[in-house]
Amino acid sequence: MATQRTWLLWRVGVFLAALAPLLFWSWQVANNAAGPEPGRYLLLNLGIGGLWILLLTLSLTPLTKLTRWKGFALIRRQLGLWTLVYATLHLLSYALFILGLNWGLLGSELVKRPYIVVGMIALLGLAILGATSNRWAMKRLGKRWKPLHKFSYAILGLVLLHFFWVVRADMQEWAMYAAIAALIMTTRLPPVARKLPKLRYRFSR
C-alpha cells in the first residue's frame, strides 16, 4: 500500500518530468543548438509539448478506470496546469519571437493566420479550467463543475484544428495525434467506459 511519502515522490517525479523539456529546450537555445531560428524552435516545441501533456491529462481518467491505480487521479490537476503553462509559453514565444512584441502586427497576423484565433480560444479555455481546478472553485460551482471541465475535450479539438492549420503540408504527425485523441475520446463513450473495469479484471486473471 502506497504511503503519503510515495505519493509525494510520485508527484515530484511528474513535476520534474514536465519541467525537463523546458530546461532542455532553454539549454539548447542558450548554447546555439536550436538551429538557425531558435525562436521558432521554441514556439513549435512548446506547442507540441502542450498537446502531448493535454493528451496525457485526458488519458488519466480511462487509465484510472482500467487499472484502479490512485496515482493517475492524483496528477490530473497537476498535468492540467502544466498544459496551461506550456500553452501560455507557446503564446509568449509567438509574441516575442514572431511579433517582436509589436502588437500592431497582430491584426494583420490574425487575418493571414486565423489558426492563431483558434489557438487563443483554446488557451482561454485552458485558463478557465486552470482557474477553476481548485477545491474552492469546485465547491462554488457545485454540480456545474464537471460539465464545465468536460470542455477540455472541446479544447483538444481546437488544439488539433490549430495544429492541423499549421502543418497542412505534412499531415503524418498530425494524424498520429488525431488518432491518439480519437482513442481517448472513444474510451469516454459510456459503453466503452463501462467495459474498462471488466478489461482490468480480464488482464489480472
N, C-alpha and C. Protein backbone atom coordinates (compact mmCIF):
# COMPACT_ATOMS: atom_id res chain seq x y z
N MET A 1 0.85 -1.21 0.00
CA MET A 1 0.00 0.00 0.00
C MET A 1 0.88 1.25 0.00
N ALA A 2 0.53 2.18 -0.88
CA ALA A 2 1.35 3.38 -1.01
C ALA A 2 1.20 4.30 0.20
N THR A 3 2.28 4.90 0.60
CA THR A 3 2.28 5.85 1.71
C THR A 3 2.21 7.27 1.18
N GLN A 4 2.02 8.23 2.10
CA GLN A 4 1.99 9.64 1.71
C GLN A 4 3.31 10.05 1.06
N ARG A 5 4.41 9.49 1.57
CA ARG A 5 5.71 9.81 1.01
C ARG A 5 5.82 9.31 -0.43
N THR A 6 5.26 8.12 -0.67
CA THR A 6 5.28 7.57 -2.03
C THR A 6 4.53 8.47 -2.99
N TRP A 7 3.35 8.93 -2.57
CA TRP A 7 2.56 9.81 -3.44
C TRP A 7 3.27 11.14 -3.67
N LEU A 8 3.94 11.64 -2.62
CA LEU A 8 4.68 12.89 -2.78
C LEU A 8 5.81 12.72 -3.79
N LEU A 9 6.54 11.62 -3.69
CA LEU A 9 7.62 11.34 -4.65
C LEU A 9 7.07 11.20 -6.05
N TRP A 10 5.92 10.58 -6.17
CA TRP A 10 5.27 10.42 -7.48
C TRP A 10 4.93 11.79 -8.08
N ARG A 11 4.37 12.67 -7.28
CA ARG A 11 4.02 14.00 -7.78
C ARG A 11 5.26 14.81 -8.14
N VAL A 12 6.28 14.71 -7.31
CA VAL A 12 7.53 15.42 -7.59
C VAL A 12 8.15 14.88 -8.88
N GLY A 13 8.11 13.57 -9.07
CA GLY A 13 8.64 12.97 -10.29
C GLY A 13 7.91 13.47 -11.53
N VAL A 14 6.59 13.56 -11.44
CA VAL A 14 5.79 14.08 -12.56
C VAL A 14 6.14 15.54 -12.82
N PHE A 15 6.29 16.31 -11.75
CA PHE A 15 6.66 17.72 -11.89
C PHE A 15 7.99 17.87 -12.62
N LEU A 16 8.99 17.09 -12.21
CA LEU A 16 10.31 17.17 -12.84
C LEU A 16 10.27 16.70 -14.28
N ALA A 17 9.45 15.68 -14.56
CA ALA A 17 9.33 15.18 -15.93
C ALA A 17 8.70 16.24 -16.84
N ALA A 18 7.73 16.99 -16.32
CA ALA A 18 7.10 18.05 -17.11
C ALA A 18 8.02 19.25 -17.29
N LEU A 19 8.86 19.49 -16.28
CA LEU A 19 9.78 20.63 -16.33
C LEU A 19 10.98 20.35 -17.23
N ALA A 20 11.40 19.10 -17.32
CA ALA A 20 12.63 18.73 -18.03
C ALA A 20 12.69 19.23 -19.48
N PRO A 21 11.62 19.05 -20.28
CA PRO A 21 11.71 19.56 -21.66
C PRO A 21 11.95 21.06 -21.74
N LEU A 22 11.34 21.83 -20.83
CA LEU A 22 11.54 23.28 -20.84
C LEU A 22 13.00 23.63 -20.57
N LEU A 23 13.61 22.92 -19.62
CA LEU A 23 15.01 23.16 -19.31
C LEU A 23 15.90 22.75 -20.47
N PHE A 24 15.57 21.63 -21.11
CA PHE A 24 16.37 21.15 -22.22
C PHE A 24 16.30 22.10 -23.41
N TRP A 25 15.10 22.55 -23.76
CA TRP A 25 14.97 23.48 -24.90
C TRP A 25 15.65 24.80 -24.59
N SER A 26 15.54 25.28 -23.37
CA SER A 26 16.21 26.53 -22.98
C SER A 26 17.72 26.38 -23.07
N TRP A 27 18.22 25.22 -22.65
CA TRP A 27 19.66 24.95 -22.73
C TRP A 27 20.13 24.95 -24.18
N GLN A 28 19.33 24.34 -25.06
CA GLN A 28 19.71 24.31 -26.48
C GLN A 28 19.74 25.70 -27.08
N VAL A 29 18.76 26.52 -26.74
CA VAL A 29 18.75 27.89 -27.26
C VAL A 29 19.94 28.67 -26.72
N ALA A 30 20.23 28.53 -25.44
CA ALA A 30 21.34 29.26 -24.81
C ALA A 30 22.69 28.84 -25.39
N ASN A 31 22.79 27.60 -25.88
CA ASN A 31 24.06 27.09 -26.40
C ASN A 31 24.07 27.03 -27.93
N ASN A 32 23.19 27.79 -28.56
CA ASN A 32 23.13 27.87 -30.03
C ASN A 32 22.99 26.49 -30.68
N ALA A 33 22.21 25.62 -30.04
CA ALA A 33 21.99 24.27 -30.57
C ALA A 33 20.56 24.05 -31.02
N ALA A 34 19.83 25.16 -31.21
CA ALA A 34 18.41 25.06 -31.57
C ALA A 34 18.15 25.39 -33.03
N GLY A 35 19.20 25.37 -33.85
CA GLY A 35 19.02 25.65 -35.26
C GLY A 35 19.10 27.13 -35.57
N PRO A 36 18.86 27.48 -36.84
CA PRO A 36 19.01 28.87 -37.27
C PRO A 36 17.92 29.80 -36.74
N GLU A 37 16.78 29.23 -36.32
CA GLU A 37 15.68 30.06 -35.82
C GLU A 37 15.26 29.55 -34.44
N PRO A 38 16.00 29.89 -33.41
CA PRO A 38 15.69 29.38 -32.06
C PRO A 38 14.30 29.78 -31.57
N GLY A 39 13.84 30.96 -31.99
CA GLY A 39 12.51 31.39 -31.58
C GLY A 39 11.43 30.46 -32.10
N ARG A 40 11.51 30.13 -33.37
CA ARG A 40 10.53 29.20 -33.96
C ARG A 40 10.70 27.79 -33.39
N TYR A 41 11.93 27.44 -33.07
CA TYR A 41 12.19 26.15 -32.43
C TYR A 41 11.42 26.05 -31.11
N LEU A 42 11.53 27.09 -30.28
CA LEU A 42 10.81 27.11 -29.02
C LEU A 42 9.30 27.12 -29.24
N LEU A 43 8.86 27.93 -30.18
CA LEU A 43 7.43 28.06 -30.46
C LEU A 43 6.82 26.70 -30.83
N LEU A 44 7.49 25.99 -31.72
CA LEU A 44 6.97 24.70 -32.18
C LEU A 44 7.00 23.67 -31.06
N ASN A 45 8.12 23.57 -30.36
CA ASN A 45 8.25 22.55 -29.32
C ASN A 45 7.31 22.79 -28.14
N LEU A 46 7.11 24.04 -27.79
CA LEU A 46 6.18 24.35 -26.70
C LEU A 46 4.76 23.98 -27.09
N GLY A 47 4.40 24.23 -28.36
CA GLY A 47 3.07 23.88 -28.82
C GLY A 47 2.84 22.37 -28.81
N ILE A 48 3.80 21.63 -29.36
CA ILE A 48 3.67 20.17 -29.40
C ILE A 48 3.74 19.59 -27.98
N GLY A 49 4.61 20.15 -27.15
CA GLY A 49 4.70 19.69 -25.77
C GLY A 49 3.38 19.89 -25.03
N GLY A 50 2.74 21.03 -25.26
CA GLY A 50 1.44 21.28 -24.64
C GLY A 50 0.39 20.29 -25.10
N LEU A 51 0.42 19.94 -26.39
CA LEU A 51 -0.52 18.96 -26.92
C LEU A 51 -0.30 17.59 -26.28
N TRP A 52 0.96 17.19 -26.14
CA TRP A 52 1.27 15.91 -25.52
C TRP A 52 0.75 15.85 -24.08
N ILE A 53 0.97 16.91 -23.32
CA ILE A 53 0.54 16.91 -21.92
C ILE A 53 -0.98 16.93 -21.83
N LEU A 54 -1.64 17.63 -22.76
CA LEU A 54 -3.10 17.63 -22.79
C LEU A 54 -3.63 16.22 -23.05
N LEU A 55 -3.02 15.53 -24.00
CA LEU A 55 -3.42 14.15 -24.28
C LEU A 55 -3.19 13.25 -23.07
N LEU A 56 -2.07 13.42 -22.41
CA LEU A 56 -1.79 12.64 -21.21
C LEU A 56 -2.82 12.92 -20.12
N THR A 57 -3.15 14.19 -19.95
CA THR A 57 -4.13 14.57 -18.93
C THR A 57 -5.47 13.91 -19.18
N LEU A 58 -5.92 13.93 -20.43
CA LEU A 58 -7.22 13.36 -20.75
C LEU A 58 -7.22 11.84 -20.73
N SER A 59 -6.04 11.24 -20.78
CA SER A 59 -5.96 9.78 -20.73
C SER A 59 -5.99 9.25 -19.30
N LEU A 60 -5.85 10.13 -18.31
CA LEU A 60 -5.74 9.68 -16.93
C LEU A 60 -7.03 9.05 -16.40
N THR A 61 -8.18 9.59 -16.81
CA THR A 61 -9.44 9.02 -16.34
C THR A 61 -9.65 7.59 -16.84
N PRO A 62 -9.52 7.32 -18.14
CA PRO A 62 -9.65 5.92 -18.57
C PRO A 62 -8.57 5.01 -17.99
N LEU A 63 -7.36 5.53 -17.80
CA LEU A 63 -6.30 4.72 -17.19
C LEU A 63 -6.65 4.37 -15.74
N THR A 64 -7.27 5.32 -15.03
CA THR A 64 -7.68 5.04 -13.66
C THR A 64 -8.76 3.96 -13.62
N LYS A 65 -9.71 4.05 -14.55
CA LYS A 65 -10.77 3.03 -14.60
C LYS A 65 -10.21 1.67 -14.99
N LEU A 66 -9.22 1.68 -15.86
CA LEU A 66 -8.66 0.43 -16.35
C LEU A 66 -7.79 -0.25 -15.29
N THR A 67 -7.05 0.54 -14.53
CA THR A 67 -6.09 -0.03 -13.58
C THR A 67 -6.51 0.09 -12.11
N ARG A 68 -7.41 1.06 -11.83
CA ARG A 68 -7.82 1.39 -10.46
C ARG A 68 -6.62 1.83 -9.61
N TRP A 69 -5.61 2.39 -10.27
CA TRP A 69 -4.46 2.90 -9.54
C TRP A 69 -4.68 4.36 -9.21
N LYS A 70 -4.58 4.70 -7.95
CA LYS A 70 -4.87 6.05 -7.48
C LYS A 70 -3.89 7.09 -8.02
N GLY A 71 -2.70 6.67 -8.38
CA GLY A 71 -1.66 7.60 -8.80
C GLY A 71 -2.03 8.43 -10.02
N PHE A 72 -2.81 7.83 -10.94
CA PHE A 72 -3.21 8.58 -12.14
C PHE A 72 -4.13 9.74 -11.78
N ALA A 73 -5.08 9.49 -10.88
CA ALA A 73 -6.01 10.55 -10.49
C ALA A 73 -5.30 11.66 -9.73
N LEU A 74 -4.26 11.31 -8.99
CA LEU A 74 -3.55 12.30 -8.17
C LEU A 74 -2.84 13.37 -9.00
N ILE A 75 -2.47 13.05 -10.23
CA ILE A 75 -1.70 14.01 -11.02
C ILE A 75 -2.53 14.69 -12.10
N ARG A 76 -3.85 14.44 -12.11
CA ARG A 76 -4.69 15.01 -13.16
C ARG A 76 -4.65 16.54 -13.14
N ARG A 77 -4.84 17.12 -11.96
CA ARG A 77 -4.83 18.58 -11.86
C ARG A 77 -3.46 19.14 -12.19
N GLN A 78 -2.42 18.46 -11.72
CA GLN A 78 -1.05 18.93 -11.96
C GLN A 78 -0.75 18.96 -13.46
N LEU A 79 -1.08 17.90 -14.18
CA LEU A 79 -0.82 17.88 -15.62
C LEU A 79 -1.71 18.88 -16.36
N GLY A 80 -2.93 19.08 -15.87
CA GLY A 80 -3.78 20.09 -16.48
C GLY A 80 -3.17 21.48 -16.39
N LEU A 81 -2.59 21.78 -15.23
CA LEU A 81 -1.94 23.08 -15.05
C LEU A 81 -0.66 23.18 -15.89
N TRP A 82 0.05 22.07 -16.05
CA TRP A 82 1.22 22.07 -16.91
C TRP A 82 0.83 22.32 -18.37
N THR A 83 -0.32 21.80 -18.77
CA THR A 83 -0.81 22.08 -20.12
C THR A 83 -0.99 23.58 -20.31
N LEU A 84 -1.57 24.23 -19.30
CA LEU A 84 -1.77 25.69 -19.35
C LEU A 84 -0.43 26.41 -19.40
N VAL A 85 0.56 25.94 -18.63
CA VAL A 85 1.88 26.56 -18.63
C VAL A 85 2.51 26.48 -20.03
N TYR A 86 2.48 25.31 -20.63
CA TYR A 86 3.07 25.14 -21.96
C TYR A 86 2.34 26.00 -23.00
N ALA A 87 1.01 26.03 -22.92
CA ALA A 87 0.24 26.82 -23.88
C ALA A 87 0.53 28.31 -23.72
N THR A 88 0.67 28.76 -22.48
CA THR A 88 0.97 30.18 -22.23
C THR A 88 2.36 30.53 -22.75
N LEU A 89 3.33 29.67 -22.50
CA LEU A 89 4.69 29.91 -23.02
C LEU A 89 4.72 29.86 -24.54
N HIS A 90 3.87 29.03 -25.12
CA HIS A 90 3.74 28.96 -26.59
C HIS A 90 3.28 30.32 -27.13
N LEU A 91 2.27 30.90 -26.48
CA LEU A 91 1.77 32.21 -26.90
C LEU A 91 2.83 33.29 -26.68
N LEU A 92 3.51 33.25 -25.55
CA LEU A 92 4.54 34.24 -25.27
C LEU A 92 5.69 34.15 -26.27
N SER A 93 6.03 32.93 -26.69
CA SER A 93 7.07 32.75 -27.70
C SER A 93 6.65 33.37 -29.02
N TYR A 94 5.39 33.21 -29.36
CA TYR A 94 4.87 33.82 -30.59
C TYR A 94 4.96 35.35 -30.50
N ALA A 95 4.52 35.88 -29.35
CA ALA A 95 4.54 37.34 -29.18
C ALA A 95 5.96 37.89 -29.21
N LEU A 96 6.90 37.16 -28.62
CA LEU A 96 8.27 37.65 -28.52
C LEU A 96 9.07 37.44 -29.80
N PHE A 97 9.03 36.23 -30.35
CA PHE A 97 9.91 35.88 -31.46
C PHE A 97 9.30 36.13 -32.85
N ILE A 98 7.98 36.08 -32.95
CA ILE A 98 7.34 36.29 -34.25
C ILE A 98 6.88 37.74 -34.39
N LEU A 99 6.17 38.24 -33.37
CA LEU A 99 5.70 39.62 -33.42
C LEU A 99 6.77 40.61 -32.97
N GLY A 100 7.78 40.14 -32.23
CA GLY A 100 8.76 41.05 -31.67
C GLY A 100 8.13 42.03 -30.71
N LEU A 101 7.04 41.58 -30.04
CA LEU A 101 6.26 42.40 -29.11
C LEU A 101 5.66 43.64 -29.78
N ASN A 102 5.57 43.60 -31.10
CA ASN A 102 4.93 44.68 -31.85
C ASN A 102 3.46 44.31 -32.05
N TRP A 103 2.62 44.75 -31.11
CA TRP A 103 1.22 44.33 -31.13
C TRP A 103 0.46 44.94 -32.30
N GLY A 104 1.04 45.93 -32.95
CA GLY A 104 0.40 46.50 -34.13
C GLY A 104 0.33 45.50 -35.28
N LEU A 105 1.21 44.48 -35.25
CA LEU A 105 1.21 43.46 -36.31
C LEU A 105 0.14 42.39 -36.09
N LEU A 106 -0.44 42.38 -34.89
CA LEU A 106 -1.34 41.29 -34.55
C LEU A 106 -2.57 41.24 -35.45
N GLY A 107 -3.12 42.41 -35.79
CA GLY A 107 -4.31 42.45 -36.64
C GLY A 107 -4.09 41.78 -37.97
N SER A 108 -2.99 42.14 -38.66
CA SER A 108 -2.69 41.54 -39.96
C SER A 108 -2.36 40.06 -39.82
N GLU A 109 -1.73 39.68 -38.72
CA GLU A 109 -1.41 38.27 -38.48
C GLU A 109 -2.68 37.45 -38.33
N LEU A 110 -3.67 37.99 -37.63
CA LEU A 110 -4.92 37.27 -37.44
C LEU A 110 -5.66 37.07 -38.75
N VAL A 111 -5.55 38.05 -39.65
CA VAL A 111 -6.19 37.93 -40.96
C VAL A 111 -5.49 36.87 -41.80
N LYS A 112 -4.16 36.90 -41.81
CA LYS A 112 -3.38 35.95 -42.60
C LYS A 112 -3.37 34.55 -42.00
N ARG A 113 -3.43 34.47 -40.69
CA ARG A 113 -3.30 33.19 -39.99
C ARG A 113 -4.42 33.03 -38.97
N PRO A 114 -5.63 32.70 -39.43
CA PRO A 114 -6.76 32.58 -38.49
C PRO A 114 -6.60 31.46 -37.47
N TYR A 115 -5.64 30.55 -37.70
CA TYR A 115 -5.42 29.50 -36.71
C TYR A 115 -4.93 30.08 -35.38
N ILE A 116 -4.41 31.32 -35.42
CA ILE A 116 -3.99 31.97 -34.18
C ILE A 116 -5.21 32.22 -33.30
N VAL A 117 -6.33 32.61 -33.93
CA VAL A 117 -7.57 32.85 -33.17
C VAL A 117 -8.02 31.56 -32.49
N VAL A 118 -7.95 30.45 -33.23
CA VAL A 118 -8.34 29.15 -32.69
C VAL A 118 -7.46 28.80 -31.48
N GLY A 119 -6.15 29.04 -31.62
CA GLY A 119 -5.23 28.77 -30.52
C GLY A 119 -5.52 29.62 -29.30
N MET A 120 -5.87 30.90 -29.52
CA MET A 120 -6.17 31.79 -28.40
C MET A 120 -7.44 31.37 -27.68
N ILE A 121 -8.43 30.90 -28.44
CA ILE A 121 -9.66 30.42 -27.81
C ILE A 121 -9.36 29.19 -26.95
N ALA A 122 -8.50 28.30 -27.48
CA ALA A 122 -8.11 27.11 -26.71
C ALA A 122 -7.38 27.52 -25.43
N LEU A 123 -6.48 28.50 -25.55
CA LEU A 123 -5.74 28.97 -24.37
C LEU A 123 -6.67 29.59 -23.34
N LEU A 124 -7.65 30.36 -23.81
CA LEU A 124 -8.62 30.95 -22.89
C LEU A 124 -9.39 29.86 -22.15
N GLY A 125 -9.77 28.81 -22.90
CA GLY A 125 -10.46 27.69 -22.26
C GLY A 125 -9.60 27.01 -21.21
N LEU A 126 -8.32 26.81 -21.52
CA LEU A 126 -7.40 26.21 -20.56
C LEU A 126 -7.25 27.09 -19.32
N ALA A 127 -7.22 28.40 -19.53
CA ALA A 127 -7.09 29.33 -18.40
C ALA A 127 -8.31 29.24 -17.48
N ILE A 128 -9.49 29.11 -18.08
CA ILE A 128 -10.72 28.99 -17.28
C ILE A 128 -10.71 27.69 -16.47
N LEU A 129 -10.31 26.61 -17.14
CA LEU A 129 -10.24 25.32 -16.44
C LEU A 129 -9.17 25.35 -15.34
N GLY A 130 -8.04 25.99 -15.63
CA GLY A 130 -6.99 26.09 -14.62
C GLY A 130 -7.44 26.90 -13.41
N ALA A 131 -8.18 27.99 -13.66
CA ALA A 131 -8.63 28.85 -12.57
C ALA A 131 -9.70 28.18 -11.72
N THR A 132 -10.39 27.18 -12.28
CA THR A 132 -11.48 26.51 -11.55
C THR A 132 -11.10 25.08 -11.14
N SER A 133 -9.81 24.78 -11.12
CA SER A 133 -9.38 23.42 -10.79
C SER A 133 -9.09 23.23 -9.30
N ASN A 134 -9.33 24.27 -8.50
CA ASN A 134 -9.06 24.17 -7.06
C ASN A 134 -10.34 23.81 -6.30
N ARG A 135 -10.17 23.43 -5.05
CA ARG A 135 -11.30 22.98 -4.24
C ARG A 135 -12.32 24.08 -4.00
N TRP A 136 -11.84 25.33 -3.84
CA TRP A 136 -12.76 26.45 -3.63
C TRP A 136 -13.71 26.59 -4.81
N ALA A 137 -13.15 26.52 -6.05
CA ALA A 137 -13.98 26.64 -7.24
C ALA A 137 -14.94 25.46 -7.37
N MET A 138 -14.44 24.26 -7.04
CA MET A 138 -15.30 23.08 -7.11
C MET A 138 -16.51 23.24 -6.18
N LYS A 139 -16.26 23.78 -4.99
CA LYS A 139 -17.35 23.97 -4.03
C LYS A 139 -18.31 25.05 -4.50
N ARG A 140 -17.78 26.12 -5.06
CA ARG A 140 -18.63 27.22 -5.52
C ARG A 140 -19.47 26.82 -6.73
N LEU A 141 -18.88 26.06 -7.64
CA LEU A 141 -19.58 25.67 -8.86
C LEU A 141 -20.54 24.50 -8.63
N GLY A 142 -20.22 23.66 -7.66
CA GLY A 142 -21.11 22.54 -7.36
C GLY A 142 -21.26 21.60 -8.54
N LYS A 143 -22.51 21.32 -8.90
CA LYS A 143 -22.80 20.38 -9.99
C LYS A 143 -22.37 20.92 -11.35
N ARG A 144 -22.12 22.21 -11.44
CA ARG A 144 -21.70 22.80 -12.73
C ARG A 144 -20.22 22.55 -13.02
N TRP A 145 -19.47 22.08 -12.01
CA TRP A 145 -18.03 21.94 -12.18
C TRP A 145 -17.69 20.87 -13.22
N LYS A 146 -18.28 19.70 -13.12
CA LYS A 146 -17.97 18.62 -14.05
C LYS A 146 -18.34 18.96 -15.49
N PRO A 147 -19.55 19.48 -15.75
CA PRO A 147 -19.86 19.88 -17.14
C PRO A 147 -18.89 20.92 -17.69
N LEU A 148 -18.46 21.85 -16.82
CA LEU A 148 -17.50 22.86 -17.27
C LEU A 148 -16.19 22.21 -17.68
N HIS A 149 -15.71 21.27 -16.88
CA HIS A 149 -14.41 20.68 -17.16
C HIS A 149 -14.46 19.63 -18.28
N LYS A 150 -15.64 19.26 -18.70
CA LYS A 150 -15.75 18.43 -19.89
C LYS A 150 -15.43 19.23 -21.15
N PHE A 151 -15.38 20.55 -20.99
CA PHE A 151 -14.98 21.41 -22.11
C PHE A 151 -13.55 21.12 -22.54
N SER A 152 -12.80 20.38 -21.70
CA SER A 152 -11.42 20.03 -22.06
C SER A 152 -11.37 19.25 -23.37
N TYR A 153 -12.43 18.50 -23.67
CA TYR A 153 -12.45 17.74 -24.93
C TYR A 153 -12.65 18.66 -26.13
N ALA A 154 -13.44 19.70 -25.93
CA ALA A 154 -13.59 20.71 -26.98
C ALA A 154 -12.27 21.45 -27.18
N ILE A 155 -11.56 21.70 -26.09
CA ILE A 155 -10.25 22.36 -26.19
C ILE A 155 -9.29 21.48 -26.99
N LEU A 156 -9.33 20.18 -26.74
CA LEU A 156 -8.49 19.26 -27.51
C LEU A 156 -8.79 19.38 -29.00
N GLY A 157 -10.07 19.46 -29.33
CA GLY A 157 -10.45 19.62 -30.73
C GLY A 157 -9.91 20.92 -31.32
N LEU A 158 -9.97 22.00 -30.55
CA LEU A 158 -9.45 23.29 -31.01
C LEU A 158 -7.94 23.23 -31.21
N VAL A 159 -7.24 22.57 -30.28
CA VAL A 159 -5.78 22.45 -30.39
C VAL A 159 -5.41 21.64 -31.64
N LEU A 160 -6.13 20.57 -31.89
CA LEU A 160 -5.86 19.75 -33.09
C LEU A 160 -6.15 20.55 -34.36
N LEU A 161 -7.21 21.34 -34.34
CA LEU A 161 -7.52 22.19 -35.50
C LEU A 161 -6.42 23.22 -35.70
N HIS A 162 -5.97 23.84 -34.62
CA HIS A 162 -4.86 24.80 -34.67
C HIS A 162 -3.61 24.16 -35.28
N PHE A 163 -3.27 22.97 -34.81
CA PHE A 163 -2.09 22.26 -35.30
C PHE A 163 -2.26 21.83 -36.76
N PHE A 164 -3.48 21.40 -37.11
CA PHE A 164 -3.78 21.00 -38.48
C PHE A 164 -3.53 22.16 -39.45
N TRP A 165 -3.95 23.34 -39.05
CA TRP A 165 -3.80 24.53 -39.88
C TRP A 165 -2.32 24.89 -40.07
N VAL A 166 -1.53 24.61 -39.03
CA VAL A 166 -0.11 24.97 -39.07
C VAL A 166 0.67 24.01 -39.96
N VAL A 167 0.37 22.70 -39.90
CA VAL A 167 1.19 21.68 -40.57
C VAL A 167 0.46 21.03 -41.74
N ARG A 168 -0.31 21.79 -42.47
CA ARG A 168 -1.09 21.21 -43.57
C ARG A 168 -0.22 20.52 -44.61
N ALA A 169 1.02 20.96 -44.75
CA ALA A 169 1.90 20.37 -45.77
C ALA A 169 2.37 18.98 -45.39
N ASP A 170 2.38 18.66 -44.11
CA ASP A 170 2.85 17.36 -43.64
C ASP A 170 1.87 16.84 -42.61
N MET A 171 0.96 15.96 -43.05
CA MET A 171 -0.13 15.53 -42.21
C MET A 171 0.18 14.30 -41.37
N GLN A 172 1.34 13.68 -41.58
CA GLN A 172 1.64 12.42 -40.90
C GLN A 172 1.66 12.60 -39.38
N GLU A 173 2.37 13.62 -38.91
CA GLU A 173 2.47 13.84 -37.47
C GLU A 173 1.11 14.20 -36.89
N TRP A 174 0.38 15.07 -37.58
CA TRP A 174 -0.94 15.47 -37.10
C TRP A 174 -1.87 14.26 -37.01
N ALA A 175 -1.80 13.38 -37.99
CA ALA A 175 -2.66 12.20 -37.98
C ALA A 175 -2.39 11.32 -36.77
N MET A 176 -1.12 11.26 -36.35
CA MET A 176 -0.78 10.47 -35.16
C MET A 176 -1.47 11.04 -33.92
N TYR A 177 -1.37 12.37 -33.74
CA TYR A 177 -2.01 12.99 -32.59
C TYR A 177 -3.53 12.85 -32.66
N ALA A 178 -4.08 12.99 -33.86
CA ALA A 178 -5.53 12.85 -34.02
C ALA A 178 -5.99 11.44 -33.68
N ALA A 179 -5.19 10.45 -34.05
CA ALA A 179 -5.54 9.05 -33.75
C ALA A 179 -5.51 8.80 -32.24
N ILE A 180 -4.51 9.34 -31.55
CA ILE A 180 -4.43 9.20 -30.10
C ILE A 180 -5.63 9.88 -29.45
N ALA A 181 -5.97 11.08 -29.94
CA ALA A 181 -7.12 11.80 -29.39
C ALA A 181 -8.41 11.02 -29.62
N ALA A 182 -8.55 10.43 -30.81
CA ALA A 182 -9.74 9.64 -31.10
C ALA A 182 -9.86 8.44 -30.18
N LEU A 183 -8.72 7.80 -29.89
CA LEU A 183 -8.72 6.67 -28.97
C LEU A 183 -9.16 7.09 -27.57
N ILE A 184 -8.63 8.22 -27.11
CA ILE A 184 -9.00 8.73 -25.78
C ILE A 184 -10.49 9.06 -25.74
N MET A 185 -10.99 9.70 -26.79
CA MET A 185 -12.41 10.06 -26.84
C MET A 185 -13.28 8.81 -26.86
N THR A 186 -12.81 7.76 -27.53
CA THR A 186 -13.58 6.52 -27.59
C THR A 186 -13.76 5.92 -26.20
N THR A 187 -12.71 6.02 -25.38
CA THR A 187 -12.80 5.47 -24.02
C THR A 187 -13.78 6.23 -23.15
N ARG A 188 -14.19 7.42 -23.59
CA ARG A 188 -15.14 8.22 -22.81
C ARG A 188 -16.58 7.89 -23.17
N LEU A 189 -16.80 7.14 -24.26
CA LEU A 189 -18.16 6.75 -24.62
C LEU A 189 -18.70 5.81 -23.56
N PRO A 190 -19.92 6.03 -23.09
CA PRO A 190 -20.47 5.22 -21.99
C PRO A 190 -20.32 3.71 -22.16
N PRO A 191 -20.63 3.11 -23.33
CA PRO A 191 -20.47 1.65 -23.46
C PRO A 191 -19.02 1.20 -23.27
N VAL A 192 -18.07 1.99 -23.79
CA VAL A 192 -16.66 1.63 -23.66
C VAL A 192 -16.19 1.87 -22.23
N ALA A 193 -16.59 3.02 -21.65
CA ALA A 193 -16.17 3.35 -20.28
C ALA A 193 -16.63 2.28 -19.29
N ARG A 194 -17.82 1.70 -19.52
CA ARG A 194 -18.31 0.67 -18.61
C ARG A 194 -17.52 -0.64 -18.73
N LYS A 195 -16.89 -0.84 -19.88
CA LYS A 195 -16.15 -2.08 -20.09
C LYS A 195 -14.71 -2.02 -19.58
N LEU A 196 -14.20 -0.82 -19.31
CA LEU A 196 -12.80 -0.69 -18.88
C LEU A 196 -12.50 -1.46 -17.59
N PRO A 197 -13.35 -1.34 -16.55
CA PRO A 197 -13.07 -2.15 -15.35
C PRO A 197 -13.09 -3.65 -15.63
N LYS A 198 -13.95 -4.09 -16.54
CA LYS A 198 -14.02 -5.51 -16.89
C LYS A 198 -12.74 -5.96 -17.59
N LEU A 199 -12.18 -5.07 -18.41
CA LEU A 199 -10.91 -5.39 -19.07
C LEU A 199 -9.80 -5.57 -18.03
N ARG A 200 -9.81 -4.71 -17.01
CA ARG A 200 -8.82 -4.82 -15.95
C ARG A 200 -8.93 -6.19 -15.28
N TYR A 201 -10.15 -6.64 -15.06
CA TYR A 201 -10.36 -7.93 -14.41
C TYR A 201 -9.82 -9.07 -15.30
N ARG A 202 -10.06 -8.96 -16.60
CA ARG A 202 -9.58 -10.00 -17.52
C ARG A 202 -8.07 -10.04 -17.56
N PHE A 203 -7.43 -8.88 -17.59
CA PHE A 203 -5.96 -8.83 -17.65
C PHE A 203 -5.32 -9.38 -16.36
N SER A 204 -6.04 -9.22 -15.25
CA SER A 204 -5.47 -9.65 -13.97
C SER A 204 -5.59 -11.15 -13.74
N ARG A 205 -6.38 -11.81 -14.56
CA ARG A 205 -6.58 -13.25 -14.38
C ARG A 205 -5.39 -14.05 -14.91
